[in-house]
Amino acid sequence: MGQRRAAGHELLMPTVVIPFADEGKTRLHASPDVRRALSAAMLADVVAACSVIGRVEVVTTGGGQGPAIASALARVEAGPVVVVNADVPCVTAADLDALIAATPALAEAKDGTTNVLSLPGPESFAPLYGAGSANRFRAHFTELGLECVTVHLPNLVDDVDTLGDLERVLDRCGGHTRKAFGLIGAPA
């Protein structure tokens, strides 16, 4: 895998880090089994899209999302990095290519958190996740002398925190997520 071609240019393939809370989001469903199944399905769709653009590493977020990503990036060699949250099951490789073309870039969720980051290298990451993180990441890039682009692609902006979120984006989700949703059926 090592390199990709785009518009006649050779590009380094990015390392893609996907933070994943394997216990599932508590607001996603009342049943822990359903939460885990839906979370695993969304992760599978995110991994499938990310595998097209680079080498993928999934990290569990037991100690927190930022520290888990920082730990993974400490082992990454120089080169582009993309961080994609596991709760954006609509993501496609084309969406990620657009984000990478704008590096440094981020996709901000509607609540001001950060769904996806594209970094020129692992050294430009800082563990700034949580409420309002998109603004903190933009400020961080400014401090590094980098102009961060905010990418407004629905598949990157629309994250899934609740079953209602999932129902709203289901027609754009990958096959794993749609299949898992079909197994649980519509909520009562």
Protein backbone atom coordinates (compact mmCIF):
# COMPACT_ATOMS: atom_id res chain seq x y z
CA MET A 1 0.00 0.00 0.00
CA GLY A 2 2.53 2.83 0.81
CA GLN A 3 1.50 5.40 -1.83
CA ARG A 4 -1.58 6.68 -3.67
CA ARG A 5 -1.95 8.48 -6.94
CA ALA A 6 -4.16 11.54 -7.19
CA ALA A 7 -4.39 13.78 -10.24
CA GLY A 8 -1.03 12.50 -11.52
CA HIS A 9 0.82 13.06 -8.22
CA GLU A 10 2.17 10.50 -5.82
CA LEU A 11 1.05 11.09 -2.26
CA LEU A 12 2.04 9.42 0.95
CA MET A 13 -0.79 7.38 2.36
CA PRO A 14 -1.85 8.73 5.72
CA THR A 15 -1.97 6.78 8.91
CA VAL A 16 -5.58 6.68 10.04
CA VAL A 17 -6.37 6.44 13.73
CA ILE A 18 -9.91 5.55 14.77
CA PRO A 19 -10.76 6.00 18.46
CA PHE A 20 -13.43 3.51 19.53
CA ALA A 21 -15.40 3.19 22.76
CA ASP A 22 -16.15 -0.54 22.66
CA GLU A 23 -18.85 -0.30 25.32
CA GLY A 24 -20.93 1.80 22.93
CA LYS A 25 -22.51 5.18 23.46
CA THR A 26 -24.98 5.13 26.33
CA ARG A 27 -27.43 7.42 24.50
CA LEU A 28 -27.47 5.14 21.44
CA HIS A 29 -29.76 2.50 22.95
CA ALA A 30 -30.99 1.29 26.35
CA SER A 31 -29.67 -2.24 25.79
CA PRO A 32 -25.90 -2.65 26.22
CA ASP A 33 -25.93 -5.50 23.68
CA VAL A 34 -27.67 -3.34 21.05
CA ARG A 35 -25.31 -0.42 21.79
CA ARG A 36 -22.27 -2.64 21.31
CA ALA A 37 -23.67 -4.18 18.12
CA LEU A 38 -24.50 -0.80 16.58
CA SER A 39 -21.16 0.68 17.67
CA ALA A 40 -19.25 -2.28 16.22
CA ALA A 41 -21.18 -1.99 12.94
CA MET A 42 -20.48 1.75 12.67
CA LEU A 43 -16.81 1.07 13.38
CA ALA A 44 -16.74 -1.55 10.61
CA ASP A 45 -18.11 1.00 8.13
CA VAL A 46 -15.60 3.63 9.22
CA VAL A 47 -12.72 1.13 8.96
CA ALA A 48 -13.89 0.07 5.49
CA ALA A 49 -13.81 3.68 4.22
CA CYS A 50 -10.52 4.48 5.95
CA SER A 51 -8.77 1.33 4.70
CA VAL A 52 -9.03 2.69 1.17
CA ILE A 53 -7.01 5.81 2.02
CA GLY A 54 -4.34 4.56 4.42
CA ARG A 55 -3.06 2.26 7.12
CA VAL A 56 -5.69 2.01 9.87
CA GLU A 57 -5.16 1.70 13.60
CA VAL A 58 -8.17 1.37 15.91
CA VAL A 59 -7.55 2.49 19.50
CA THR A 60 -9.84 1.96 22.46
CA THR A 61 -10.66 5.04 24.47
CA GLY A 62 -10.64 3.62 28.00
CA GLY A 63 -8.36 6.40 29.25
CA GLY A 64 -10.10 9.05 27.15
CA GLN A 65 -10.19 9.82 23.45
CA GLY A 66 -7.37 12.37 23.34
CA PRO A 67 -4.86 10.30 25.35
CA ALA A 68 -5.69 7.15 23.33
CA ILE A 69 -5.01 8.98 20.06
CA ALA A 70 -1.85 10.62 21.41
CA SER A 71 -0.54 7.22 22.50
CA ALA A 72 -1.18 5.76 19.03
CA LEU A 73 0.42 8.75 17.31
CA ALA A 74 3.54 8.44 19.47
CA ARG A 75 4.25 5.22 17.53
CA VAL A 76 3.57 6.70 14.08
CA GLU A 77 6.37 7.74 11.75
CA ALA A 78 6.38 11.17 10.14
CA GLY A 79 3.75 11.72 7.51
CA PRO A 80 0.10 12.65 7.18
CA VAL A 81 -2.37 11.51 9.81
CA VAL A 82 -6.15 11.35 9.78
CA VAL A 83 -8.19 10.83 12.94
CA VAL A 84 -11.73 9.61 12.28
CA ASN A 85 -14.23 9.04 15.05
CA ALA A 86 -15.97 5.66 14.97
CA ASP A 87 -19.41 7.32 15.10
CA VAL A 88 -19.44 8.73 11.55
CA PRO A 89 -20.80 5.66 9.70
CA CYS A 90 -21.61 7.63 6.54
CA VAL A 91 -17.95 8.45 5.81
CA THR A 92 -16.57 7.51 2.40
CA ALA A 93 -13.05 7.43 1.02
CA ALA A 94 -13.98 10.36 -1.25
CA ASP A 95 -14.98 12.41 1.81
CA LEU A 96 -11.64 11.63 3.42
CA ASP A 97 -9.75 12.49 0.24
CA ALA A 98 -11.44 15.92 0.24
CA LEU A 99 -10.50 16.44 3.88
CA ILE A 100 -6.90 15.36 3.26
CA ALA A 101 -6.61 17.74 0.31
CA ALA A 102 -7.36 20.61 2.72
CA THR A 103 -4.85 19.53 5.44
CA PRO A 104 -4.70 20.71 8.13
CA ALA A 105 -8.44 20.34 8.30
CA LEU A 106 -11.27 19.23 10.51
CA ALA A 107 -14.91 18.28 10.26
CA GLU A 108 -16.96 19.76 13.06
CA ALA A 109 -20.09 18.10 14.41
CA LYS A 110 -23.19 20.24 14.84
CA ASP A 111 -22.53 20.40 18.59
CA GLY A 112 -19.04 21.94 18.15
CA THR A 113 -17.09 18.75 18.81
CA THR A 114 -14.61 17.32 16.31
CA ASN A 115 -15.49 14.29 14.18
CA VAL A 116 -12.48 14.09 11.85
CA LEU A 117 -9.01 15.66 11.76
CA SER A 118 -6.44 15.71 8.97
CA LEU A 119 -2.95 16.55 10.19
CA PRO A 120 0.31 17.13 8.32
CA GLY A 121 2.03 14.85 10.85
CA PRO A 122 1.60 13.23 14.26
CA GLU A 123 3.49 16.06 15.96
CA SER A 124 0.67 18.50 15.16
CA PHE A 125 -1.87 16.61 17.28
CA ALA A 126 -2.98 17.77 20.73
CA PRO A 127 -5.55 15.94 22.90
CA LEU A 128 -8.22 18.65 22.81
CA TYR A 129 -11.44 16.62 22.51
CA GLY A 130 -14.68 17.34 24.34
CA ALA A 131 -17.28 20.10 24.24
CA GLY A 132 -16.14 22.93 21.96
CA SER A 133 -13.12 20.95 20.69
CA ALA A 134 -13.37 22.20 17.11
CA ASN A 135 -12.59 25.74 18.25
CA ARG A 136 -9.71 24.47 20.40
CA PHE A 137 -8.25 22.53 17.48
CA ARG A 138 -8.48 25.59 15.20
CA ALA A 139 -6.72 27.69 17.87
CA HIS A 140 -4.07 24.98 18.27
CA PHE A 141 -3.34 24.98 14.53
CA THR A 142 -3.09 28.78 14.57
CA GLU A 143 -0.55 28.52 17.42
CA LEU A 144 1.45 26.12 15.24
CA GLY A 145 1.37 28.63 12.38
CA LEU A 146 -1.01 26.49 10.33
CA GLU A 147 -4.28 27.61 8.76
CA CYS A 148 -6.93 25.03 9.54
CA VAL A 149 -9.75 24.48 7.05
CA THR A 150 -13.17 23.45 8.32
CA VAL A 151 -14.67 20.96 5.88
CA HIS A 152 -18.47 20.91 5.69
CA LEU A 153 -19.26 17.51 4.20
CA PRO A 154 -22.47 15.94 5.55
CA ASN A 155 -20.91 12.47 5.82
CA LEU A 156 -18.20 13.88 8.09
CA VAL A 157 -20.38 16.33 10.01
CA ASP A 158 -23.19 13.88 10.83
CA ASP A 159 -22.09 11.80 13.78
CA VAL A 160 -24.32 9.30 15.57
CA ASP A 161 -24.91 9.80 19.28
CA THR A 162 -28.52 8.60 19.53
CA LEU A 163 -30.84 6.19 17.77
CA GLY A 164 -32.63 9.25 16.33
CA ASP A 165 -29.32 10.40 14.80
CA LEU A 166 -28.86 6.97 13.28
CA GLU A 167 -32.38 6.92 11.83
CA ARG A 168 -31.79 10.37 10.29
CA VAL A 169 -28.63 9.29 8.41
CA LEU A 170 -29.35 5.59 7.91
CA ASP A 171 -29.82 5.88 4.13
CA ARG A 172 -26.22 7.21 3.83
CA CYS A 173 -24.63 4.74 6.27
CA GLY A 174 -22.43 1.88 5.23
CA GLY A 175 -23.78 -1.64 4.88
CA HIS A 176 -22.65 -2.89 8.29
CA THR A 177 -24.60 -0.17 10.09
CA ARG A 178 -27.72 -0.62 7.98
CA LYS A 179 -27.64 -4.38 8.58
CA ALA A 180 -27.18 -3.98 12.35
CA PHE A 181 -30.01 -1.45 12.49
CA GLY A 182 -32.22 -3.85 10.55
CA LEU A 183 -31.58 -6.55 13.13
CA ILE A 184 -32.84 -4.38 15.99
CA GLY A 185 -35.76 -2.94 14.04
CA ALA A 186 -37.36 0.40 14.71
CA PRO A 187 -37.41 1.57 18.33
CA ALA A 188 -40.61 1.07 20.30
